[in-house]
Amino acid sequence: MPYVALGDSYSSGEGVEPFEPSSNAGNNMCHRSNFAYSQLTSSNPKRASSLALGKFVACSGAETGQVLADDSTNGEQAQYKWLNASTKVVTITIGGNDIGFVPFGQACVLDACNFTSPAYATAVNNINNLLPSELETTYKKLLDTATGAKVYVLGYPQVAPVKVASDPMDIRCKYLYDSGYDSTGTIPKYWEDAQAARDVVTKLDAKIASVVSKVRGLKTDYQRLQYVDVNASGSPFAGHTVCADPGESYFNNLDQWVGHPAYALHPNARGQQAYADILAAVPVP
């Protein structure tokens, strides 16, 4: 299996139908899309010979726990078990669910996720105190199992727009505009939810990058681990947040929420292509 794609919903392609039938039936809701970035990458003629997709086991909702241990909810074995000494390339996004991306996103939409909200405090606490050891254990397991593979850890793109309090309300993401009240409970705050959402992603990606750096430094063989920054200068995600005009946004907005709550705030087909484009620029084998 030269290329194995692991990870959570950002890697499975949640919200980008159609899904592989076995990942969208019965209790299995892994939602592995035919248009996930791993599928697009492996079908790229320039990479097809070296990145033939041996196994695609990313699963919506996955935490580090489902990478390391069997997933009884979806009836799947631990993701790392698909790796072996013949694996040449591994890609993964992981950590978002460990820090509570879903409840944080729900707070942004339904209540508030501003800098003084419980949702923000919980997410930041999880990033700083829960996530590092879980990521380190996960990365070492992947490296120790796929002993000849390059392991590429992709970060999470910025979903929320860049806004300041004086910016006008944007109908496409009004839920990020009304951001609660100040400490007196009388003066409304605007766009702080968007600012806090961006800050959480920034902190999450920074923590992922720092753990990758730490693991790389443990021994020479672990230099096979590499962090891929998806928000770097020139990123295809720039300017295509959830608040962008229809056709320009790289994320499913709340119009995808009805009937499919998991789809919202995930990369759409254009977002998955952006991931694939970023990976195409990385000098993978």
C-alpha atoms as a PDB file:
ATOM      1  CA  MET A   1       0.000   0.000   0.000  1.00  0.00           C
ATOM      2  CA  PRO A   2       2.130   2.914  -1.208  1.00  0.00           C
ATOM      3  CA  TYR A   3      -0.225   5.654   0.016  1.00  0.00           C
ATOM      4  CA  VAL A   4      -2.560   5.434   2.994  1.00  0.00           C
ATOM      5  CA  ALA A   5      -4.897   8.320   3.847  1.00  0.00           C
ATOM      6  CA  LEU A   6      -5.829   8.602   7.520  1.00  0.00           C
ATOM      7  CA  GLY A   7      -7.592  11.185   9.632  1.00  0.00           C
ATOM      8  CA  ASP A   8     -10.851  12.878  10.480  1.00  0.00           C
ATOM      9  CA  SER A   9     -13.652  14.558   8.525  1.00  0.00           C
ATOM     10  CA  TYR A  10     -11.329  17.071   6.850  1.00  0.00           C
ATOM     11  CA  SER A  11      -9.534  14.106   5.308  1.00  0.00           C
ATOM     12  CA  SER A  12     -12.596  11.923   4.730  1.00  0.00           C
ATOM     13  CA  GLY A  13     -14.331  14.654   2.746  1.00  0.00           C
ATOM     14  CA  GLU A  14     -17.359  15.044   5.007  1.00  0.00           C
ATOM     15  CA  GLY A  15     -20.047  17.024   3.217  1.00  0.00           C
ATOM     16  CA  VAL A  16     -18.790  16.341  -0.317  1.00  0.00           C
ATOM     17  CA  GLU A  17     -21.050  13.684  -1.792  1.00  0.00           C
ATOM     18  CA  PRO A  18     -20.966  11.018  -3.095  1.00  0.00           C
ATOM     19  CA  PHE A  19     -19.447   8.886  -0.373  1.00  0.00           C
ATOM     20  CA  GLU A  20     -18.055   5.389  -0.641  1.00  0.00           C
ATOM     21  CA  PRO A  21     -21.146   3.204  -0.010  1.00  0.00           C
ATOM     22  CA  SER A  22     -19.568   1.258   2.834  1.00  0.00           C
ATOM     23  CA  SER A  23     -18.831   4.529   4.674  1.00  0.00           C
ATOM     24  CA  ASN A  24     -22.440   5.716   4.471  1.00  0.00           C
ATOM     25  CA  ALA A  25     -24.497   2.716   5.505  1.00  0.00           C
ATOM     26  CA  GLY A  26     -25.831   1.277   8.737  1.00  0.00           C
ATOM     27  CA  ASN A  27     -23.806   2.461  11.703  1.00  0.00           C
ATOM     28  CA  ASN A  28     -20.844   3.500   9.566  1.00  0.00           C
ATOM     29  CA  MET A  29     -20.937   7.260   8.991  1.00  0.00           C
ATOM     30  CA  CYS A  30     -17.260   7.773   8.112  1.00  0.00           C
ATOM     31  CA  HIS A  31     -18.394   9.544   4.931  1.00  0.00           C
ATOM     32  CA  ARG A  32     -15.372   8.948   2.721  1.00  0.00           C
ATOM     33  CA  SER A  33     -15.882  11.142  -0.309  1.00  0.00           C
ATOM     34  CA  ASN A  34     -14.929  10.318  -3.857  1.00  0.00           C
ATOM     35  CA  PHE A  35     -13.651  13.895  -3.990  1.00  0.00           C
ATOM     36  CA  ALA A  36     -11.570  13.935  -0.804  1.00  0.00           C
ATOM     37  CA  TYR A  37      -8.102  15.412  -1.255  1.00  0.00           C
ATOM     38  CA  SER A  38      -6.448  11.991  -1.079  1.00  0.00           C
ATOM     39  CA  GLN A  39      -8.587  10.759  -3.963  1.00  0.00           C
ATOM     40  CA  LEU A  40      -7.783  13.854  -5.990  1.00  0.00           C
ATOM     41  CA  THR A  41      -4.090  13.572  -5.181  1.00  0.00           C
ATOM     42  CA  SER A  42      -3.808   9.915  -6.132  1.00  0.00           C
ATOM     43  CA  SER A  43      -5.618  10.536  -9.436  1.00  0.00           C
ATOM     44  CA  ASN A  44      -3.297  13.414 -10.367  1.00  0.00           C
ATOM     45  CA  PRO A  45      -1.397  12.171 -13.470  1.00  0.00           C
ATOM     46  CA  LYS A  46       1.790  13.796 -12.152  1.00  0.00           C
ATOM     47  CA  ARG A  47       1.584  11.799  -8.932  1.00  0.00           C
ATOM     48  CA  ALA A  48      -0.377   8.691  -9.858  1.00  0.00           C
ATOM     49  CA  SER A  49       2.671   6.467 -10.269  1.00  0.00           C
ATOM     50  CA  SER A  50       4.087   7.267  -6.830  1.00  0.00           C
ATOM     51  CA  LEU A  51       0.887   8.016  -4.900  1.00  0.00           C
ATOM     52  CA  ALA A  52      -1.438   5.206  -5.854  1.00  0.00           C
ATOM     53  CA  LEU A  53      -3.974   5.171  -3.043  1.00  0.00           C
ATOM     54  CA  GLY A  54      -3.535   1.872  -1.264  1.00  0.00           C
ATOM     55  CA  LYS A  55      -6.093   2.550   1.461  1.00  0.00           C
ATOM     56  CA  PHE A  56      -8.438   5.402   2.325  1.00  0.00           C
ATOM     57  CA  VAL A  57      -9.572   5.014   5.930  1.00  0.00           C
ATOM     58  CA  ALA A  58     -10.093   8.600   7.156  1.00  0.00           C
ATOM     59  CA  CYS A  59     -13.356   8.829   9.062  1.00  0.00           C
ATOM     60  CA  SER A  60     -15.640  11.709   9.943  1.00  0.00           C
ATOM     61  CA  GLY A  61     -15.595  12.333  13.676  1.00  0.00           C
ATOM     62  CA  ALA A  62     -12.297  10.550  14.231  1.00  0.00           C
ATOM     63  CA  GLU A  63     -10.121  11.533  17.152  1.00  0.00           C
ATOM     64  CA  THR A  64      -6.619  10.332  17.870  1.00  0.00           C
ATOM     65  CA  GLY A  65      -8.328   7.473  19.704  1.00  0.00           C
ATOM     66  CA  GLN A  66      -9.757   6.081  16.472  1.00  0.00           C
ATOM     67  CA  VAL A  67      -6.349   6.270  14.825  1.00  0.00           C
ATOM     68  CA  LEU A  68      -4.837   4.240  17.648  1.00  0.00           C
ATOM     69  CA  ALA A  69      -7.686   1.884  18.623  1.00  0.00           C
ATOM     70  CA  ASP A  70     -10.589   0.119  16.957  1.00  0.00           C
ATOM     71  CA  ASP A  71     -13.643   2.258  16.243  1.00  0.00           C
ATOM     72  CA  SER A  72     -16.665   0.405  17.594  1.00  0.00           C
ATOM     73  CA  THR A  73     -19.074   3.187  16.596  1.00  0.00           C
ATOM     74  CA  ASN A  74     -18.383   2.818  12.890  1.00  0.00           C
ATOM     75  CA  GLY A  75     -17.280  -0.810  13.046  1.00  0.00           C
ATOM     76  CA  GLU A  76     -13.763  -0.156  11.747  1.00  0.00           C
ATOM     77  CA  GLN A  77     -10.339  -1.209  12.923  1.00  0.00           C
ATOM     78  CA  ALA A  78      -7.799   1.294  14.191  1.00  0.00           C
ATOM     79  CA  GLN A  79      -6.558   3.426  11.319  1.00  0.00           C
ATOM     80  CA  TYR A  80      -2.877   2.796  12.037  1.00  0.00           C
ATOM     81  CA  LYS A  81      -3.386  -0.941  11.444  1.00  0.00           C
ATOM     82  CA  TRP A  82      -3.572  -0.294   7.702  1.00  0.00           C
ATOM     83  CA  LEU A  83       0.073   0.781   7.726  1.00  0.00           C
ATOM     84  CA  ASN A  84       3.049  -1.499   7.252  1.00  0.00           C
ATOM     85  CA  ALA A  85       6.659  -1.496   6.131  1.00  0.00           C
ATOM     86  CA  SER A  86       5.573  -1.221   2.490  1.00  0.00           C
ATOM     87  CA  THR A  87       3.708   2.049   3.045  1.00  0.00           C
ATOM     88  CA  LYS A  88       5.501   4.923   1.329  1.00  0.00           C
ATOM     89  CA  VAL A  89       3.275   7.932   2.096  1.00  0.00           C
ATOM     90  CA  VAL A  90       0.780   8.727   4.862  1.00  0.00           C
ATOM     91  CA  THR A  91      -1.405  11.831   5.068  1.00  0.00           C
ATOM     92  CA  ILE A  92      -3.510  12.828   8.057  1.00  0.00           C
ATOM     93  CA  THR A  93      -5.546  15.598   9.619  1.00  0.00           C
ATOM     94  CA  ILE A  94      -6.244  14.877  13.276  1.00  0.00           C
ATOM     95  CA  GLY A  95      -6.787  16.781  16.498  1.00  0.00           C
ATOM     96  CA  GLY A  96      -9.810  18.902  15.684  1.00  0.00           C
ATOM     97  CA  ASN A  97     -12.262  16.503  17.275  1.00  0.00           C
ATOM     98  CA  ASP A  98      -9.980  15.942  20.257  1.00  0.00           C
ATOM     99  CA  ILE A  99     -10.216  19.635  21.160  1.00  0.00           C
ATOM    100  CA  GLY A 100     -13.972  19.810  20.508  1.00  0.00           C
ATOM    101  CA  PHE A 101     -14.323  21.354  17.059  1.00  0.00           C
ATOM    102  CA  VAL A 102     -17.961  20.268  16.842  1.00  0.00           C
ATOM    103  CA  PRO A 103     -19.251  21.769  20.121  1.00  0.00           C
ATOM    104  CA  PHE A 104     -17.131  24.860  19.505  1.00  0.00           C
ATOM    105  CA  GLY A 105     -18.648  25.293  16.030  1.00  0.00           C
ATOM    106  CA  GLN A 106     -22.132  24.722  17.394  1.00  0.00           C
ATOM    107  CA  ALA A 107     -21.526  27.422  20.006  1.00  0.00           C
ATOM    108  CA  CYS A 108     -20.422  29.827  17.273  1.00  0.00           C
ATOM    109  CA  VAL A 109     -23.636  29.176  15.351  1.00  0.00           C
ATOM    110  CA  LEU A 110     -26.204  28.774  18.120  1.00  0.00           C
ATOM    111  CA  ASP A 111     -24.860  30.809  21.032  1.00  0.00           C
ATOM    112  CA  ALA A 112     -21.454  32.477  21.288  1.00  0.00           C
ATOM    113  CA  CYS A 113     -17.837  31.402  20.951  1.00  0.00           C
ATOM    114  CA  ASN A 114     -16.229  34.780  21.702  1.00  0.00           C
ATOM    115  CA  PHE A 115     -13.066  35.210  23.780  1.00  0.00           C
ATOM    116  CA  THR A 116     -14.960  35.155  27.084  1.00  0.00           C
ATOM    117  CA  SER A 117     -17.241  32.236  26.234  1.00  0.00           C
ATOM    118  CA  PRO A 118     -17.045  28.789  27.852  1.00  0.00           C
ATOM    119  CA  ALA A 119     -16.702  27.271  24.369  1.00  0.00           C
ATOM    120  CA  TYR A 120     -13.554  29.262  23.636  1.00  0.00           C
ATOM    121  CA  ALA A 121     -12.053  28.539  27.063  1.00  0.00           C
ATOM    122  CA  THR A 122     -12.674  24.803  26.668  1.00  0.00           C
ATOM    123  CA  ALA A 123     -11.165  24.656  23.184  1.00  0.00           C
ATOM    124  CA  VAL A 124      -8.022  26.547  24.201  1.00  0.00           C
ATOM    125  CA  ASN A 125      -7.602  24.452  27.344  1.00  0.00           C
ATOM    126  CA  ASN A 126      -7.873  21.271  25.283  1.00  0.00           C
ATOM    127  CA  ILE A 127      -5.326  22.563  22.777  1.00  0.00           C
ATOM    128  CA  ASN A 128      -2.807  23.408  25.471  1.00  0.00           C
ATOM    129  CA  ASN A 129      -3.320  20.602  27.954  1.00  0.00           C
ATOM    130  CA  LEU A 130      -5.024  17.629  26.299  1.00  0.00           C
ATOM    131  CA  LEU A 131      -3.875  17.543  22.706  1.00  0.00           C
ATOM    132  CA  PRO A 132      -0.043  17.530  22.815  1.00  0.00           C
ATOM    133  CA  SER A 133       0.414  14.110  24.426  1.00  0.00           C
ATOM    134  CA  GLU A 134      -2.307  12.584  22.228  1.00  0.00           C
ATOM    135  CA  LEU A 135      -0.675  13.885  19.061  1.00  0.00           C
ATOM    136  CA  GLU A 136       2.799  12.776  20.127  1.00  0.00           C
ATOM    137  CA  THR A 137       1.580   9.244  20.829  1.00  0.00           C
ATOM    138  CA  THR A 138      -0.241   9.150  17.501  1.00  0.00           C
ATOM    139  CA  TYR A 139       2.659  10.401  15.401  1.00  0.00           C
ATOM    140  CA  LYS A 140       5.096   7.961  16.985  1.00  0.00           C
ATOM    141  CA  LYS A 141       2.713   5.062  16.358  1.00  0.00           C
ATOM    142  CA  LEU A 142       2.416   5.978  12.676  1.00  0.00           C
ATOM    143  CA  LEU A 143       6.175   6.318  12.267  1.00  0.00           C
ATOM    144  CA  ASP A 144       6.927   3.106  14.140  1.00  0.00           C
ATOM    145  CA  THR A 145       4.364   1.141  12.095  1.00  0.00           C
ATOM    146  CA  ALA A 146       5.048   2.562   8.627  1.00  0.00           C
ATOM    147  CA  THR A 147       8.804   2.346   9.029  1.00  0.00           C
ATOM    148  CA  GLY A 148       9.628   3.441   5.485  1.00  0.00           C
ATOM    149  CA  ALA A 149       6.955   6.102   5.003  1.00  0.00           C
ATOM    150  CA  LYS A 150       6.913   9.852   4.848  1.00  0.00           C
ATOM    151  CA  VAL A 151       4.098  11.042   7.132  1.00  0.00           C
ATOM    152  CA  TYR A 152       2.491  14.343   6.197  1.00  0.00           C
ATOM    153  CA  VAL A 153       0.418  16.074   8.884  1.00  0.00           C
ATOM    154  CA  LEU A 154      -1.847  18.665   7.280  1.00  0.00           C
ATOM    155  CA  GLY A 155      -3.178  21.569   9.314  1.00  0.00           C
ATOM    156  CA  TYR A 156      -6.687  22.983   9.375  1.00  0.00           C
ATOM    157  CA  PRO A 157      -7.684  25.918   7.144  1.00  0.00           C
ATOM    158  CA  GLN A 158      -9.274  29.097   8.446  1.00  0.00           C
ATOM    159  CA  VAL A 159     -13.045  28.774   8.054  1.00  0.00           C
ATOM    160  CA  ALA A 160     -14.081  32.123   9.584  1.00  0.00           C
ATOM    161  CA  PRO A 161     -13.478  35.460   7.837  1.00  0.00           C
ATOM    162  CA  VAL A 162     -11.107  38.230   8.865  1.00  0.00           C
ATOM    163  CA  LYS A 163     -13.362  40.824  10.521  1.00  0.00           C
ATOM    164  CA  VAL A 164     -13.155  43.774  12.897  1.00  0.00           C
ATOM    165  CA  ALA A 165     -15.951  45.045  15.116  1.00  0.00           C
ATOM    166  CA  SER A 166     -16.754  47.970  12.810  1.00  0.00           C
ATOM    167  CA  ASP A 167     -17.314  45.782   9.740  1.00  0.00           C
ATOM    168  CA  PRO A 168     -20.943  45.567   8.584  1.00  0.00           C
ATOM    169  CA  MET A 169     -23.065  42.488   9.101  1.00  0.00           C
ATOM    170  CA  ASP A 170     -22.637  39.829   6.417  1.00  0.00           C
ATOM    171  CA  ILE A 171     -25.809  37.904   5.683  1.00  0.00           C
ATOM    172  CA  ARG A 172     -23.876  34.734   4.769  1.00  0.00           C
ATOM    173  CA  CYS A 173     -22.458  34.450   8.282  1.00  0.00           C
ATOM    174  CA  LYS A 174     -24.655  36.522  10.547  1.00  0.00           C
ATOM    175  CA  TYR A 175     -24.088  33.892  13.226  1.00  0.00           C
ATOM    176  CA  LEU A 176     -20.485  35.102  13.559  1.00  0.00           C
ATOM    177  CA  TYR A 177     -21.498  38.763  13.669  1.00  0.00           C
ATOM    178  CA  ASP A 178     -23.672  38.852  16.792  1.00  0.00           C
ATOM    179  CA  SER A 179     -21.137  37.902  19.456  1.00  0.00           C
ATOM    180  CA  GLY A 180     -22.861  38.501  22.770  1.00  0.00           C
ATOM    181  CA  TYR A 181     -22.321  41.443  25.105  1.00  0.00           C
ATOM    182  CA  ASP A 182     -19.529  43.029  27.066  1.00  0.00           C
ATOM    183  CA  SER A 183     -19.003  42.469  30.791  1.00  0.00           C
ATOM    184  CA  THR A 184     -21.836  44.876  31.642  1.00  0.00           C
ATOM    185  CA  GLY A 185     -24.267  42.794  29.631  1.00  0.00           C
ATOM    186  CA  THR A 186     -25.524  45.886  27.815  1.00  0.00           C
ATOM    187  CA  ILE A 187     -23.089  46.689  24.995  1.00  0.00           C
ATOM    188  CA  PRO A 188     -23.192  44.238  22.076  1.00  0.00           C
ATOM    189  CA  LYS A 189     -20.014  42.840  20.571  1.00  0.00           C
ATOM    190  CA  TYR A 190     -19.686  42.294  16.829  1.00  0.00           C
ATOM    191  CA  TRP A 191     -17.547  39.799  14.920  1.00  0.00           C
ATOM    192  CA  GLU A 192     -15.781  38.574  18.052  1.00  0.00           C
ATOM    193  CA  ASP A 193     -17.061  35.073  17.344  1.00  0.00           C
ATOM    194  CA  ALA A 194     -15.258  35.179  13.988  1.00  0.00           C
ATOM    195  CA  GLN A 195     -12.101  36.481  15.634  1.00  0.00           C
ATOM    196  CA  ALA A 196     -12.210  33.793  18.308  1.00  0.00           C
ATOM    197  CA  ALA A 197     -12.860  31.070  15.728  1.00  0.00           C
ATOM    198  CA  ARG A 198      -9.802  32.129  13.761  1.00  0.00           C
ATOM    199  CA  ASP A 199      -7.757  32.276  16.957  1.00  0.00           C
ATOM    200  CA  VAL A 200      -8.713  28.705  17.875  1.00  0.00           C
ATOM    201  CA  VAL A 201      -7.618  27.425  14.452  1.00  0.00           C
ATOM    202  CA  THR A 202      -4.380  29.424  14.706  1.00  0.00           C
ATOM    203  CA  LYS A 203      -3.643  27.983  18.146  1.00  0.00           C
ATOM    204  CA  LEU A 204      -4.586  24.465  17.051  1.00  0.00           C
ATOM    205  CA  ASP A 205      -2.346  24.543  13.972  1.00  0.00           C
ATOM    206  CA  ALA A 206       0.512  26.037  15.977  1.00  0.00           C
ATOM    207  CA  LYS A 207       0.225  23.258  18.542  1.00  0.00           C
ATOM    208  CA  ILE A 208       0.134  20.578  15.854  1.00  0.00           C
ATOM    209  CA  ALA A 209       3.222  22.088  14.222  1.00  0.00           C
ATOM    210  CA  SER A 210       5.056  22.258  17.546  1.00  0.00           C
ATOM    211  CA  VAL A 211       4.340  18.613  18.369  1.00  0.00           C
ATOM    212  CA  VAL A 212       5.482  17.565  14.894  1.00  0.00           C
ATOM    213  CA  SER A 213       8.705  19.498  15.518  1.00  0.00           C
ATOM    214  CA  LYS A 214       9.143  17.857  18.917  1.00  0.00           C
ATOM    215  CA  VAL A 215       8.655  14.337  17.532  1.00  0.00           C
ATOM    216  CA  ARG A 216      11.030  15.014  14.643  1.00  0.00           C
ATOM    217  CA  GLY A 217      13.663  15.915  17.197  1.00  0.00           C
ATOM    218  CA  LEU A 218      13.333  12.682  19.170  1.00  0.00           C
ATOM    219  CA  LYS A 219      15.447  10.672  16.744  1.00  0.00           C
ATOM    220  CA  THR A 220      16.810  10.871  13.230  1.00  0.00           C
ATOM    221  CA  ASP A 221      14.354   8.344  11.820  1.00  0.00           C
ATOM    222  CA  TYR A 222      11.443  10.553  12.876  1.00  0.00           C
ATOM    223  CA  GLN A 223      12.533  13.212  10.390  1.00  0.00           C
ATOM    224  CA  ARG A 224      10.099  11.398   8.088  1.00  0.00           C
ATOM    225  CA  LEU A 225       7.321  13.336   9.832  1.00  0.00           C
ATOM    226  CA  GLN A 226       6.419  16.660   8.200  1.00  0.00           C
ATOM    227  CA  TYR A 227       3.882  19.377   8.979  1.00  0.00           C
ATOM    228  CA  VAL A 228       2.059  20.941   6.022  1.00  0.00           C
ATOM    229  CA  ASP A 229       0.832  24.488   6.674  1.00  0.00           C
ATOM    230  CA  VAL A 230      -2.424  25.021   4.771  1.00  0.00           C
ATOM    231  CA  ASN A 231      -2.710  28.697   5.767  1.00  0.00           C
ATOM    232  CA  ALA A 232       0.734  29.831   4.623  1.00  0.00           C
ATOM    233  CA  SER A 233       1.189  32.851   2.381  1.00  0.00           C
ATOM    234  CA  GLY A 234      -0.302  32.122  -1.019  1.00  0.00           C
ATOM    235  CA  SER A 235      -2.613  29.412   0.304  1.00  0.00           C
ATOM    236  CA  PRO A 236      -5.508  28.654  -2.049  1.00  0.00           C
ATOM    237  CA  PHE A 237      -7.802  28.882   0.994  1.00  0.00           C
ATOM    238  CA  ALA A 238      -7.064  32.605   1.418  1.00  0.00           C
ATOM    239  CA  GLY A 239     -10.118  34.735   0.711  1.00  0.00           C
ATOM    240  CA  HIS A 240     -12.416  31.734   0.410  1.00  0.00           C
ATOM    241  CA  THR A 241     -13.841  31.503   3.927  1.00  0.00           C
ATOM    242  CA  VAL A 242     -17.343  30.394   4.769  1.00  0.00           C
ATOM    243  CA  CYS A 243     -18.512  33.985   4.333  1.00  0.00           C
ATOM    244  CA  ALA A 244     -17.336  34.276   0.738  1.00  0.00           C
ATOM    245  CA  ASP A 245     -19.879  34.622  -2.049  1.00  0.00           C
ATOM    246  CA  PRO A 246     -21.530  31.441  -3.326  1.00  0.00           C
ATOM    247  CA  GLY A 247     -19.150  29.810  -5.762  1.00  0.00           C
ATOM    248  CA  GLU A 248     -16.187  31.433  -4.016  1.00  0.00           C
ATOM    249  CA  SER A 249     -16.410  29.836  -0.577  1.00  0.00           C
ATOM    250  CA  TYR A 250     -14.371  26.694   0.020  1.00  0.00           C
ATOM    251  CA  PHE A 251     -16.616  25.588   2.887  1.00  0.00           C
ATOM    252  CA  ASN A 252     -20.160  24.339   3.323  1.00  0.00           C
ATOM    253  CA  ASN A 253     -22.231  27.019   5.001  1.00  0.00           C
ATOM    254  CA  LEU A 254     -25.368  26.550   7.079  1.00  0.00           C
ATOM    255  CA  ASP A 255     -27.437  25.904   3.970  1.00  0.00           C
ATOM    256  CA  GLN A 256     -25.900  22.419   4.244  1.00  0.00           C
ATOM    257  CA  TRP A 257     -26.982  22.086   7.886  1.00  0.00           C
ATOM    258  CA  VAL A 258     -30.601  21.081   7.280  1.00  0.00           C
ATOM    259  CA  GLY A 259     -30.755  17.313   7.207  1.00  0.00           C
ATOM    260  CA  HIS A 260     -26.969  17.038   7.264  1.00  0.00           C
ATOM    261  CA  PRO A 261     -25.649  18.877  10.329  1.00  0.00           C
ATOM    262  CA  ALA A 262     -22.188  17.351   9.981  1.00  0.00           C
ATOM    263  CA  TYR A 263     -21.693  18.900   6.541  1.00  0.00           C
ATOM    264  CA  ALA A 264     -21.650  22.515   7.723  1.00  0.00           C
ATOM    265  CA  LEU A 265     -18.327  24.314   8.236  1.00  0.00           C
ATOM    266  CA  HIS A 266     -16.406  21.563   6.426  1.00  0.00           C
ATOM    267  CA  PRO A 267     -14.465  22.033   3.181  1.00  0.00           C
ATOM    268  CA  ASN A 268     -16.655  21.651   0.120  1.00  0.00           C
ATOM    269  CA  ALA A 269     -15.430  20.239  -3.196  1.00  0.00           C
ATOM    270  CA  ARG A 270     -13.403  23.389  -3.852  1.00  0.00           C
ATOM    271  CA  GLY A 271     -11.897  23.131  -0.371  1.00  0.00           C
ATOM    272  CA  GLN A 272     -10.874  19.523  -0.908  1.00  0.00           C
ATOM    273  CA  GLN A 273      -9.272  20.551  -4.195  1.00  0.00           C
ATOM    274  CA  ALA A 274      -7.396  23.278  -2.320  1.00  0.00           C
ATOM    275  CA  TYR A 275      -6.022  20.646   0.067  1.00  0.00           C
ATOM    276  CA  ALA A 276      -4.984  18.546  -2.946  1.00  0.00           C
ATOM    277  CA  ASP A 277      -3.297  21.556  -4.561  1.00  0.00           C
ATOM    278  CA  ILE A 278      -1.344  22.245  -1.372  1.00  0.00           C
ATOM    279  CA  LEU A 279      -0.255  18.627  -1.150  1.00  0.00           C
ATOM    280  CA  ALA A 280       0.736  18.682  -4.821  1.00  0.00           C
ATOM    281  CA  ALA A 281       3.238  21.423  -4.040  1.00  0.00           C
ATOM    282  CA  VAL A 282       4.905  19.332  -1.320  1.00  0.00           C
ATOM    283  CA  PRO A 283       7.871  17.281  -2.582  1.00  0.00           C
ATOM    284  CA  VAL A 284       6.386  13.929  -1.623  1.00  0.00           C
ATOM    285  CA  PRO A 285       7.988  10.778  -3.073  1.00  0.00           C
END
